[in-house]
Amino acid sequence: MAVTADVPVKVLNTAIGGRMEGGQVVVIDFAPGPEVPEDLSEIEVVIRGGEVPLTPGILQRNPETNGPRLAFTFQPEDAAFAEFRAQLRLAGEPLSEVWLYRWTRT
């Protein structure tokens, strides 16, 4: 089911933290809704992180909200900052709003 441009799936929450193995993990929760297919494997994940190495996104259902939850990790290495952009797509069309985030080394 395609989503109209004025009713995209919303981002609910973002969490970022360090991993014991190194790097940072990013978790993005999206809202549930009738436009989100039951089979999340139908959803295409688009993540961009510029010059920072990152893993492919893993998409699962959040048991608390029943919406999609996207997780990926990145290795900041010597970067002072990294800018990320993520979006869920269905059949080539936007399913979610675009999530933007600027990570800065502290």
Protein backbone atom coordinates (compact mmCIF):
# COMPACT_ATOMS: atom_id res chain seq x y z
CA MET A 1 0.00 0.00 0.00
CA ALA A 2 1.58 3.31 -1.02
CA VAL A 3 1.53 6.26 1.33
CA THR A 4 0.47 9.69 0.24
CA ALA A 5 3.13 12.38 0.57
CA ASP A 6 1.21 14.21 3.29
CA VAL A 7 0.82 11.17 5.59
CA PRO A 8 4.25 9.53 6.00
CA VAL A 9 5.08 7.20 8.87
CA LYS A 10 6.52 9.36 11.65
CA VAL A 11 9.74 8.90 13.61
CA LEU A 12 8.91 8.36 17.29
CA ASN A 13 12.29 8.07 18.97
CA THR A 14 16.04 7.87 18.44
CA ALA A 15 18.61 6.26 20.72
CA ILE A 16 22.39 6.24 20.23
CA GLY A 17 25.02 4.60 22.39
CA GLY A 18 28.46 3.05 22.46
CA ARG A 19 29.10 -0.64 21.84
CA MET A 20 31.56 -2.73 23.85
CA GLU A 21 32.96 -4.00 20.54
CA GLY A 22 33.58 -0.40 19.46
CA GLY A 23 31.55 2.00 17.39
CA GLN A 24 28.11 3.44 18.01
CA VAL A 25 24.69 1.85 17.60
CA VAL A 26 21.75 3.91 16.35
CA VAL A 27 18.14 2.80 16.91
CA ILE A 28 15.22 4.63 15.27
CA ASP A 29 11.60 3.82 16.17
CA PHE A 30 8.86 4.57 13.64
CA ALA A 31 5.13 4.80 14.29
CA PRO A 32 2.87 1.84 13.52
CA GLY A 33 -0.01 2.24 11.12
CA PRO A 34 -2.09 0.64 8.39
CA GLU A 35 0.43 1.77 5.75
CA VAL A 36 3.19 -0.35 7.33
CA PRO A 37 3.06 -3.88 5.85
CA GLU A 38 2.88 -6.80 8.27
CA ASP A 39 5.90 -8.34 6.53
CA LEU A 40 8.69 -5.85 7.22
CA SER A 41 10.90 -7.55 4.61
CA GLU A 42 8.86 -5.65 1.99
CA ILE A 43 10.32 -2.37 3.29
CA GLU A 44 13.48 -0.96 1.76
CA VAL A 45 15.86 0.78 4.16
CA VAL A 46 17.91 3.72 2.86
CA ILE A 47 20.71 4.94 5.15
CA ARG A 48 23.43 7.42 4.28
CA GLY A 49 26.31 8.33 6.56
CA GLY A 50 28.75 10.28 4.43
CA GLU A 51 32.37 9.32 5.08
CA VAL A 52 31.70 7.23 8.21
CA PRO A 53 31.63 3.42 7.77
CA LEU A 54 28.26 1.94 8.75
CA THR A 55 26.49 -1.40 8.69
CA PRO A 56 23.38 -2.19 6.67
CA GLY A 57 20.23 -1.44 8.62
CA ILE A 58 18.34 -4.14 10.48
CA LEU A 59 14.58 -3.68 10.50
CA GLN A 60 12.46 -5.36 13.19
CA ARG A 61 9.10 -4.76 14.78
CA ASN A 62 9.25 -2.84 18.07
CA PRO A 63 7.27 -4.99 20.55
CA GLU A 64 6.21 -1.93 22.58
CA THR A 65 4.81 0.20 19.73
CA ASN A 66 4.27 -2.46 17.03
CA GLY A 67 5.93 -0.09 14.56
CA PRO A 68 9.17 -0.64 12.64
CA ARG A 69 12.48 -0.29 14.48
CA LEU A 70 15.62 0.37 12.44
CA ALA A 71 19.09 -0.26 13.89
CA PHE A 72 22.56 0.23 12.43
CA THR A 73 26.07 0.76 13.74
CA PHE A 74 28.81 3.09 12.63
CA GLN A 75 32.51 3.47 13.31
CA PRO A 76 33.36 7.14 13.91
CA GLU A 77 37.13 6.43 13.83
CA ASP A 78 38.77 9.89 13.74
CA ALA A 79 35.70 11.79 12.54
CA ALA A 80 34.76 14.90 14.50
CA PHE A 81 31.16 14.56 13.29
CA ALA A 82 28.93 12.49 11.04
CA GLU A 83 25.63 13.33 9.38
CA PHE A 84 23.07 10.58 8.83
CA ARG A 85 19.90 10.32 6.77
CA ALA A 86 17.49 7.37 6.88
CA GLN A 87 14.13 6.61 5.29
CA LEU A 88 11.85 3.62 4.92
CA ARG A 89 10.55 3.00 1.40
CA LEU A 90 7.88 0.67 0.02
CA ALA A 91 7.72 -0.29 -3.66
CA GLY A 92 10.17 2.54 -4.41
CA GLU A 93 7.98 5.19 -2.75
CA PRO A 94 8.65 6.94 0.57
CA LEU A 95 6.95 5.16 3.47
CA SER A 96 8.38 7.27 6.29
CA GLU A 97 9.48 10.79 6.86
CA VAL A 98 13.20 11.38 6.45
CA TRP A 99 15.20 11.02 9.67
CA LEU A 100 18.22 13.35 9.88
CA TYR A 101 20.85 13.32 12.61
CA ARG A 102 24.21 14.98 13.18
CA TRP A 103 26.51 13.07 15.52
CA THR A 104 29.34 15.09 17.09
CA ARG A 105 32.29 13.68 19.00
CA THR A 106 32.24 14.88 22.61
